[in-house]
Protein backbone atom coordinates (compact mmCIF):
# COMPACT_ATOMS: atom_id res chain seq x y z
CA MET A 1 118.29 81.81 50.73
CA ARG A 2 117.37 82.21 54.21
CA TYR A 3 114.97 84.50 54.51
CA ARG A 4 112.93 83.12 51.70
CA ASP A 5 113.18 79.61 53.85
CA GLU A 6 111.70 82.07 56.91
CA GLU A 7 109.01 82.99 55.00
CA ILE A 8 107.62 79.99 53.73
CA LEU A 9 107.87 78.73 57.62
CA ARG A 10 105.59 81.41 57.95
CA LYS A 11 103.64 80.32 55.66
CA ARG A 12 102.66 76.82 56.46
CA GLU A 13 101.90 77.67 60.34
CA GLU A 14 99.34 81.10 58.89
CA LEU A 15 97.81 78.20 56.98
CA ARG A 16 97.87 75.83 58.95
CA ARG A 17 96.62 78.10 61.86
CA ARG A 18 93.60 78.78 59.24
CA ASN A 19 93.43 74.59 58.33
CA TYR A 20 93.25 73.76 61.34
CA ALA A 21 90.76 76.18 63.90
CA SER A 22 87.63 74.32 64.38
CA LEU A 23 86.68 71.85 66.76
CA GLU A 24 85.72 69.07 63.65
CA LYS A 25 89.18 69.48 61.52
CA GLY A 26 90.53 69.63 64.73
CA TYR A 27 92.61 73.06 66.20
CA TYR A 28 96.38 74.72 65.43
CA MET A 29 98.65 74.92 68.92
CA ASP A 30 101.77 75.32 69.75
CA GLY A 31 103.31 73.06 66.24
CA GLU A 32 100.60 70.79 66.86
CA ILE A 33 96.86 69.52 65.96
CA LEU A 34 95.33 69.08 68.74
CA THR A 35 91.82 66.74 67.39
CA PHE A 36 88.50 67.20 69.54
CA GLU A 37 85.91 63.98 70.10
CA ARG A 38 82.25 64.25 71.18
CA LYS A 39 82.38 62.76 74.95
CA ARG A 40 79.18 62.30 77.62
CA LEU A 41 80.59 63.95 80.89
CA LEU A 42 78.65 63.70 84.23
CA ASP A 43 76.09 61.31 82.67
CA THR A 44 74.06 65.11 81.52
CA CYS A 45 76.01 66.70 79.16
CA SER A 46 77.98 66.10 75.58
CA LEU A 47 80.93 67.95 74.35
CA MET A 48 83.38 67.83 72.41
CA LEU A 49 87.28 67.66 74.27
CA PRO A 50 90.44 67.51 73.04
CA ASP A 51 91.75 63.61 72.80
CA SER A 52 95.39 64.64 74.83
CA MET A 53 92.98 65.87 78.17
CA LYS A 54 92.67 62.80 80.68
CA LEU A 55 90.65 62.91 83.70
CA MET A 56 92.70 64.56 86.26
CA PRO A 57 93.32 61.61 88.76
CA GLU A 58 91.79 61.68 92.62
CA GLU A 59 95.41 62.51 94.23
CA LEU A 60 96.71 65.02 92.45
CA ALA A 61 92.99 66.61 92.19
CA ARG A 62 93.11 67.15 95.93
CA ILE A 63 96.48 69.08 95.22
CA LYS A 64 95.65 71.04 92.90
CA TYR A 65 92.24 71.70 94.56
CA PRO A 66 92.17 71.36 98.19
CA SER A 67 88.47 72.82 98.67
CA GLU A 68 86.24 69.85 98.72
CA PHE A 69 84.35 72.56 96.15
CA ARG A 70 86.40 70.80 93.35
CA PRO A 71 84.98 69.99 90.20
CA GLN A 72 83.57 66.92 90.12
CA ARG A 73 85.15 66.12 87.02
CA ILE A 74 88.57 67.19 86.09
CA LEU A 75 90.37 67.14 82.81
CA THR A 76 93.90 67.98 82.57
CA SER A 77 96.67 68.45 79.63
CA MET A 78 99.68 65.77 80.44
CA ASP A 79 102.04 68.90 81.70
CA LEU A 80 99.33 69.41 84.52
CA ASP A 81 99.24 73.16 83.10
CA VAL A 82 95.82 73.86 81.02
CA ASN A 83 92.90 71.62 83.07
CA LEU A 84 88.93 72.32 82.83
CA GLY A 85 86.42 70.98 85.21
CA PHE A 86 82.94 70.31 85.28
CA SER A 87 80.27 69.97 88.10
CA LEU A 88 76.93 69.47 88.63
CA LEU A 89 74.93 72.81 90.67
CA LYS A 90 72.25 70.57 92.99
CA PHE A 91 69.96 73.79 93.19
CA ASP A 92 67.71 74.73 89.81
CA VAL A 93 67.74 77.95 87.88
CA GLU A 94 64.95 78.85 85.94
CA ALA A 95 65.87 78.86 81.80
CA GLY A 96 67.71 82.42 81.28
CA LYS A 97 68.50 82.55 84.83
CA THR A 98 71.70 81.19 84.03
CA ALA A 99 73.97 84.71 83.55
CA GLY A 100 72.85 86.30 86.49
CA LEU A 101 74.36 83.54 88.39
CA ALA A 102 76.89 83.85 86.58
CA GLU A 103 77.16 87.24 88.12
CA ARG A 104 76.69 86.30 91.53
CA MET A 105 79.66 84.40 91.18
CA GLN A 106 82.13 86.36 89.75
CA ALA A 107 81.42 89.44 92.78
CA ALA A 108 82.00 86.52 94.89
CA ILE A 109 85.14 86.43 93.93
CA CYS A 110 85.72 90.06 93.16
CA ARG A 111 84.55 90.22 97.16
CA SER A 112 87.20 87.35 98.28
CA ASN A 113 89.93 88.36 95.91
CA PRO A 114 90.06 92.28 95.59
CA ASP A 115 93.88 92.16 94.05
CA TYR A 116 92.14 89.79 90.24
CA LYS A 117 91.91 91.33 87.26
CA MET A 118 88.41 90.48 86.33
CA ASP A 119 87.10 90.68 82.79
CA ARG A 120 83.36 91.35 82.23
CA LEU A 121 80.85 88.96 81.89
CA MET A 122 80.03 87.70 78.70
CA LEU A 123 76.78 85.46 77.23
CA LEU A 124 77.73 82.04 75.41
CA GLU A 125 76.83 82.87 71.84
CA GLY A 126 73.54 80.44 70.58
CA ALA A 127 72.60 79.27 74.67
CA ASP A 128 71.60 79.22 77.79
CA GLY A 129 74.52 80.42 80.21
CA GLY A 130 77.41 83.32 80.94
CA TRP A 131 80.97 83.12 81.22
CA PHE A 132 83.35 85.25 82.67
CA SER A 133 87.62 85.29 82.86
CA PHE A 134 90.09 86.42 85.57
CA ARG A 135 94.30 86.71 86.23
CA SER A 136 93.96 85.08 89.48
CA HIS A 137 98.54 85.00 91.09
CA ALA A 138 100.02 81.04 91.90
CA MET A 139 103.28 80.77 93.56
CA ASP A 140 105.09 81.50 90.62
CA SER A 141 103.28 82.35 87.92
CA ASP A 142 100.12 84.24 86.82
CA ILE A 143 97.23 82.04 85.97
CA TYR A 144 94.28 83.16 83.50
CA ASN A 145 90.49 81.64 84.42
CA MET A 146 87.80 81.00 83.12
CA MET A 147 84.49 80.53 84.65
CA LEU A 148 81.03 79.66 83.39
CA ILE A 149 77.20 78.37 84.01
CA MET A 150 74.95 77.10 81.48
CA ASN A 151 71.59 76.07 81.39
CA ILE A 152 71.73 72.02 79.91
CA GLY A 153 68.60 70.78 79.72
CA GLY A 154 67.55 72.06 82.91
CA VAL A 155 70.25 70.85 84.74
CA PRO A 156 72.80 73.59 85.52
CA VAL A 157 76.58 73.35 85.10
CA HIS A 158 79.44 74.33 86.25
CA SER A 159 82.85 74.25 84.39
CA CYS A 160 86.10 76.57 84.67
CA PHE A 161 89.31 76.35 82.89
CA ASN A 162 92.60 77.61 84.02
CA CYS A 163 96.09 77.52 82.26
CA GLY A 164 99.31 80.11 82.68
CA TYR A 165 98.09 83.64 81.68
CA GLU A 166 100.67 83.63 78.63
CA ARG A 167 98.98 80.52 77.93
CA GLU A 168 95.31 82.93 77.70
CA GLU A 169 95.28 83.80 73.86
CA LYS A 170 95.68 80.88 72.82
CA TRP A 171 93.63 78.87 74.98
CA LYS A 172 90.55 81.14 74.96
CA PRO A 173 89.21 80.93 71.66
CA VAL A 174 89.18 77.31 72.60
CA VAL A 175 87.65 76.80 75.30
CA LEU A 176 84.85 78.52 74.24
CA MET A 177 84.44 76.46 71.03
CA MET A 178 84.56 73.48 73.52
CA TRP A 179 81.43 75.07 75.79
CA GLU A 180 78.97 75.62 73.00
CA SER A 181 79.14 72.09 72.20
CA MET A 182 77.73 71.42 75.33
CA GLU A 183 74.91 69.84 74.63
CA ALA A 184 72.21 67.27 76.52
CA TRP A 185 73.36 64.25 76.07
CA LYS A 186 70.86 62.04 74.08
CA GLU A 187 71.75 58.33 73.91
CA ASN A 188 71.95 56.15 70.93
């Protein structure tokens, strides 16, 4: 009898994962369905973001990201473990050259942190952008990081994502879907 109950629970989980695997319907993760809504960001673009993520208070952002070069907007989960940052770049990037900028950013991170495990640069599907990911170290754990440079309506946007390394496989596809949902902001 116990085996049958476990099998039923496993099949329910599989069904939820299959039925909730998009930003439009929701994404099933860790026993919950994340819901998403298109939100305006940095007066330039919009994208689908989890309803559960909120703007990180400035005093926490200064602690978590002590550099003055921290992202201009940082969204975070309630436990502060999952973070998504956005910044507008202050220089022009020609259309089609955005992936090259991402490649140079990746090389700079490699030079300054040779012990980071760096993944190869990938192009963002259906957009003028490139992204890469890497594993970095914190005081008591490893961190999974993703970086994106994308041209949105002629404006170069930088986005970064990080979470505990053990959550990488769960969050990576979600972040890519969010980034692919980015578009120039259109007034109604």
